[in-house]
C-alpha cells in the first residue's frame, strides 16, 4: 500500500508539463522528447492507478466496517426495543399485582377492624354475663345462708318451746318468712304468668321445713326450664 506522502513527493519530483518542456526542448530532439514525455505520462498513470487501487481498497474496507457497525447498531436497537417492551410488560404486571395486594390489604384491614369491634362487643357481653352469673350465684349463696340460718334458728326455737303451745313469731321465723317471700316474689317477676296451682300468699309458718324446701326446689326447676305453669301439687301434699 502506497502512502499519501510518498505519492505527493513523486508527483512533485515528476514536475509540471511546462517545466519539463522548458528543461528539455532546448537541447533534445522532438522524437526523443515525445518518447520521454510518454514515459513520464506512463509512470504518472501507474502512480495514479496504484493510488486509485489503494483508495478503492480503503473504501471497501471502510464500507465493510460501516456495514458491520450499522448491523451492530440495528441489532442493539432491536435488543433495546425488545428489552423495553419486556420490562414494560413486567412493570405493568408488577403494578397490577401491587394494586391487587393494596386492595387485599385494605379489605383485610377492614375485616380486622370489624372483627376487633365484634371481639370487643363479645368481651363486654361475656363480662356482663359473667358478672350477672357471679351476682346471681352470690345472691343464691346469700339466700342459702339466710335460709340455713333461719332454719337453724327455727329448730332452736321449736326445741325451746314446750309441746302443745303455739310458738311465737321470733325474729328468726320472720327472717325465714322474709327470705321465702323474697324468693317467691323474684320468681313471680321472672315468670311470664302466675302459677294457678301455688298459693304464693300462703303463710310458710304452717308448713314443715322439708315441704318448704321441696316446693322451692320445684319452683327453681320450673324457672330453670322456663315453664309458665307450675305442676299441680301431689294429692295429700301440703301447699307451699
Protein backbone atom coordinates (compact mmCIF):
# COMPACT_ATOMS: atom_id res chain seq x y z
CA UNK A 1 0.00 0.00 0.00
CA UNK A 2 1.44 3.35 -1.09
CA UNK A 3 1.46 6.20 1.39
CA UNK A 4 -0.07 9.58 0.57
CA UNK A 5 3.10 11.48 1.36
CA UNK A 6 5.16 9.30 -0.97
CA UNK A 7 2.71 9.81 -3.84
CA UNK A 8 2.81 13.57 -3.40
CA UNK A 9 6.58 13.56 -3.33
CA UNK A 10 6.69 11.52 -6.51
CA UNK A 11 4.33 13.89 -8.29
CA UNK A 12 6.29 16.84 -7.04
CA UNK A 13 9.55 15.23 -8.22
CA UNK A 14 7.98 14.46 -11.58
CA UNK A 15 7.27 18.15 -12.15
CA UNK A 16 4.78 20.03 -14.27
CA UNK A 17 4.29 19.84 -18.01
CA UNK A 18 5.64 23.29 -18.85
CA UNK A 19 8.62 22.84 -16.54
CA UNK A 20 9.56 19.67 -18.36
CA UNK A 21 9.20 21.38 -21.73
CA UNK A 22 11.39 24.31 -20.74
CA UNK A 23 14.06 21.99 -19.44
CA UNK A 24 14.19 19.52 -22.33
CA UNK A 25 13.11 21.21 -25.60
CA UNK A 26 16.15 23.37 -25.99
CA UNK A 27 18.68 20.54 -26.11
CA UNK A 28 16.67 17.42 -27.14
CA UNK A 29 15.24 16.19 -30.48
CA UNK A 30 11.50 16.18 -30.91
CA UNK A 31 11.10 12.39 -31.06
CA UNK A 32 13.25 11.88 -28.05
CA UNK A 33 11.24 14.46 -26.20
CA UNK A 34 7.94 12.83 -27.13
CA UNK A 35 9.19 9.44 -26.04
CA UNK A 36 10.40 10.80 -22.73
CA UNK A 37 7.10 12.60 -22.29
CA UNK A 38 5.18 9.38 -22.91
CA UNK A 39 7.32 7.53 -20.42
CA UNK A 40 6.71 10.19 -17.87
CA UNK A 41 2.97 10.07 -18.53
CA UNK A 42 3.00 6.29 -18.29
CA UNK A 43 4.82 6.49 -14.96
CA UNK A 44 2.35 9.08 -13.76
CA UNK A 45 -0.60 6.91 -14.82
CA UNK A 46 0.85 3.93 -13.00
CA UNK A 47 1.19 6.03 -9.89
CA UNK A 48 -2.40 7.27 -10.23
CA UNK A 49 -3.70 3.74 -10.85
CA UNK A 50 -1.85 2.45 -7.79
CA UNK A 51 -3.24 5.30 -5.75
CA UNK A 52 -6.77 4.67 -7.03
CA UNK A 53 -6.46 0.98 -6.25
CA UNK A 54 -5.22 1.83 -2.77
CA UNK A 55 -8.12 4.24 -2.22
CA UNK A 56 -10.58 1.66 -3.51
CA UNK A 57 -9.20 -0.89 -1.05
CA UNK A 58 -9.54 1.65 1.74
CA UNK A 59 -13.08 2.46 0.58
CA UNK A 60 -14.05 -1.23 0.50
CA UNK A 61 -12.63 -1.70 3.98
CA UNK A 62 -14.46 1.37 5.28
CA UNK A 63 -17.73 0.25 3.68
CA UNK A 64 -17.37 -3.20 5.26
CA UNK A 65 -16.65 -1.68 8.65
CA UNK A 66 -19.53 0.79 8.26
CA UNK A 67 -21.89 -2.02 7.30
CA UNK A 68 -20.76 -4.06 10.33
CA UNK A 69 -21.30 -1.05 12.58
CA UNK A 70 -24.73 -0.45 11.03
CA UNK A 71 -25.71 -4.09 11.56
CA UNK A 72 -24.49 -3.93 15.16
CA UNK A 73 -26.42 -0.72 15.70
CA UNK A 74 -29.59 -2.25 14.23
CA UNK A 75 -29.12 -5.30 16.45
CA UNK A 76 -28.64 -3.10 19.51
CA UNK A 77 -31.74 -1.09 18.59
CA UNK A 78 -33.76 -4.30 18.23
CA UNK A 79 -32.46 -5.67 21.54
CA UNK A 80 -33.20 -2.35 23.22
CA UNK A 81 -36.77 -2.28 21.89
CA UNK A 82 -37.35 -5.89 22.99
CA UNK A 83 -35.87 -5.18 26.42
CA UNK A 84 -38.03 -2.08 26.83
CA UNK A 85 -41.16 -4.00 25.82
CA UNK A 86 -40.28 -6.86 28.17
CA UNK A 87 -39.52 -4.56 31.10
CA UNK A 88 -42.67 -2.54 30.40
CA UNK A 89 -44.75 -5.73 30.49
CA UNK A 90 -43.10 -6.82 33.74
CA UNK A 91 -43.60 -3.35 35.21
CA UNK A 92 -47.30 -3.36 34.33
CA UNK A 93 -47.69 -6.86 35.78
CA UNK A 94 -45.96 -5.77 39.00
CA UNK A 95 -48.13 -2.65 39.17
CA UNK A 96 -51.28 -4.75 38.78
CA UNK A 97 -50.06 -7.18 41.44
CA UNK A 98 -49.17 -4.31 43.76
CA UNK A 99 -52.63 -2.78 43.29
CA UNK A 100 -54.24 -6.16 43.95
CA UNK A 101 -52.24 -6.53 47.17
CA UNK A 102 -53.20 -2.97 48.17
CA UNK A 103 -56.89 -3.79 47.75
CA UNK A 104 -56.46 -7.09 49.57
CA UNK A 105 -54.66 -5.31 52.41
CA UNK A 106 -57.43 -2.71 52.64
CA UNK A 107 -60.08 -5.45 52.76
CA UNK A 108 -58.12 -7.35 55.42
CA UNK A 109 -57.70 -4.19 57.49
CA UNK A 110 -61.45 -3.50 57.26
CA UNK A 111 -62.21 -7.11 58.17
CA UNK A 112 -59.76 -6.98 61.09
CA UNK A 113 -61.36 -3.74 62.28
CA UNK A 114 -64.82 -5.33 62.18
CA UNK A 115 -63.55 -8.46 63.92
CA UNK A 116 -61.85 -6.31 66.56
CA UNK A 117 -65.07 -4.39 67.20
CA UNK A 118 -67.04 -7.62 67.33
CA UNK A 119 -64.50 -9.12 69.71
CA UNK A 120 -64.72 -6.07 71.97
CA UNK A 121 -68.52 -6.28 71.99
CA UNK A 122 -68.35 -10.02 72.67
CA UNK A 123 -65.92 -9.45 75.53
CA UNK A 124 -68.21 -6.82 77.00
CA UNK A 125 -71.24 -9.09 76.68
CA UNK A 126 -69.32 -12.00 78.16
CA UNK A 127 -68.12 -9.81 81.00
CA UNK A 128 -71.71 -8.73 81.65
CA UNK A 129 -72.92 -12.34 81.57
CA UNK A 130 -70.17 -13.44 83.93
CA UNK A 131 -70.91 -10.50 86.22
CA UNK A 132 -74.61 -11.38 86.26
CA UNK A 133 -73.74 -15.01 86.88
CA UNK A 134 -71.45 -14.03 89.73
CA UNK A 135 -74.12 -11.74 91.21
CA UNK A 136 -76.76 -14.44 90.87
CA UNK A 137 -74.52 -17.06 92.47
CA UNK A 138 -73.61 -14.67 95.25
CA UNK A 139 -77.29 -13.90 95.81
CA UNK A 140 -78.13 -17.61 95.80
CA UNK A 141 -75.37 -18.31 98.31
CA UNK A 142 -76.58 -15.45 100.48
CA UNK A 143 -80.15 -16.74 100.34
CA UNK A 144 -78.97 -20.24 101.13
CA UNK A 145 -77.01 -18.95 104.12
CA UNK A 146 -80.04 -16.96 105.29
CA UNK A 147 -82.28 -19.99 104.84
CA UNK A 148 -79.94 -22.30 106.76
CA UNK A 149 -79.56 -19.69 109.48
CA UNK A 150 -83.33 -19.24 109.69
CA UNK A 151 -83.98 -22.99 109.75
CA UNK A 152 -81.41 -23.46 112.48
CA UNK A 153 -82.98 -20.64 114.47
CA UNK A 154 -86.44 -22.14 113.93
CA UNK A 155 -85.26 -25.55 115.07
CA UNK A 156 -83.70 -23.99 118.15
CA UNK A 157 -86.92 -22.08 118.92
CA UNK A 158 -89.04 -25.20 118.46
CA UNK A 159 -86.79 -27.15 120.80
CA UNK A 160 -87.07 -24.44 123.44
CA UNK A 161 -90.88 -24.18 123.24
CA UNK A 162 -92.94 -26.78 125.15
CA UNK A 163 -95.05 -29.10 123.02
CA UNK A 164 -98.70 -28.23 122.54
CA UNK A 165 -98.20 -24.46 122.84
CA UNK A 166 -98.17 -22.19 119.76
CA UNK A 167 -94.72 -20.81 119.01
CA UNK A 168 -94.46 -17.01 118.93
CA UNK A 169 -93.13 -15.26 115.80
CA UNK A 170 -89.49 -14.93 116.65
CA UNK A 171 -87.01 -12.79 114.63
CA UNK A 172 -85.55 -15.98 113.12
CA UNK A 173 -89.02 -17.01 111.93
CA UNK A 174 -89.63 -13.58 110.47
CA UNK A 175 -86.25 -13.71 108.68
CA UNK A 176 -87.07 -17.12 107.26
CA UNK A 177 -90.51 -15.97 106.07
CA UNK A 178 -88.96 -12.86 104.51
CA UNK A 179 -86.38 -14.93 102.61
CA UNK A 180 -89.06 -17.30 101.31
CA UNK A 181 -91.34 -14.45 100.29
CA UNK A 182 -88.43 -12.67 98.56
CA UNK A 183 -87.69 -15.80 96.57
CA UNK A 184 -91.35 -16.16 95.65
CA UNK A 185 -91.63 -12.52 94.58
CA UNK A 186 -88.49 -12.76 92.43
CA UNK A 187 -89.82 -15.97 90.86
CA UNK A 188 -93.14 -14.29 90.09
CA UNK A 189 -91.33 -11.37 88.43
CA UNK A 190 -89.30 -13.70 86.22
CA UNK A 191 -92.27 -15.93 85.33
CA UNK A 192 -94.49 -14.84 82.36
CA UNK A 193 -97.71 -15.70 84.20
CA UNK A 194 -98.55 -16.54 87.79
CA UNK A 195 -98.91 -20.20 88.70
CA UNK A 196 -102.54 -21.04 89.43
CA UNK A 197 -101.74 -24.17 91.44
CA UNK A 198 -99.43 -22.49 94.01
CA UNK A 199 -100.55 -20.37 96.90
CA UNK A 200 -98.00 -17.56 96.76
CA UNK A 201 -99.51 -15.73 99.70
CA UNK A 202 -99.72 -18.79 101.90
CA UNK A 203 -98.02 -18.44 105.23
CA UNK A 204 -94.97 -20.75 105.24
CA UNK A 205 -95.09 -20.85 109.05
CA UNK A 206 -97.79 -23.54 108.85
CA UNK A 207 -95.57 -25.82 106.71
CA UNK A 208 -92.82 -28.16 107.63
CA UNK A 209 -89.26 -27.23 106.58
CA UNK A 210 -88.99 -30.31 104.32
CA UNK A 211 -92.17 -29.33 102.44
CA UNK A 212 -90.94 -25.79 102.03
CA UNK A 213 -87.59 -26.96 100.65
CA UNK A 214 -89.39 -29.30 98.27
CA UNK A 215 -91.63 -26.52 97.00
CA UNK A 216 -88.70 -24.18 96.49
CA UNK A 217 -86.83 -26.87 94.57
CA UNK A 218 -89.84 -27.38 92.28
CA UNK A 219 -90.10 -23.61 91.71
CA UNK A 220 -86.41 -23.36 90.92
CA UNK A 221 -86.65 -26.21 88.38
CA UNK A 222 -89.67 -24.59 86.74
CA UNK A 223 -87.81 -21.28 86.47
CA UNK A 224 -84.72 -23.03 85.07
CA UNK A 225 -86.65 -24.84 82.31
CA UNK A 226 -88.79 -21.78 81.57
CA UNK A 227 -92.14 -23.39 82.38
CA UNK A 228 -95.02 -20.92 82.60
CA UNK A 229 -97.39 -23.22 84.54
CA UNK A 230 -96.28 -24.88 87.73
CA UNK A 231 -97.04 -28.59 88.23
CA UNK A 232 -100.02 -29.36 90.45
CA UNK A 233 -99.27 -30.40 93.98
CA UNK A 234 -99.43 -34.06 94.70
CA UNK A 235 -102.54 -35.29 96.50
CA UNK A 236 -102.10 -35.07 100.20
CA UNK A 237 -99.05 -32.81 99.96
CA UNK A 238 -99.10 -29.62 101.91
CA UNK A 239 -99.20 -26.36 99.91
CA UNK A 240 -96.09 -24.13 99.96
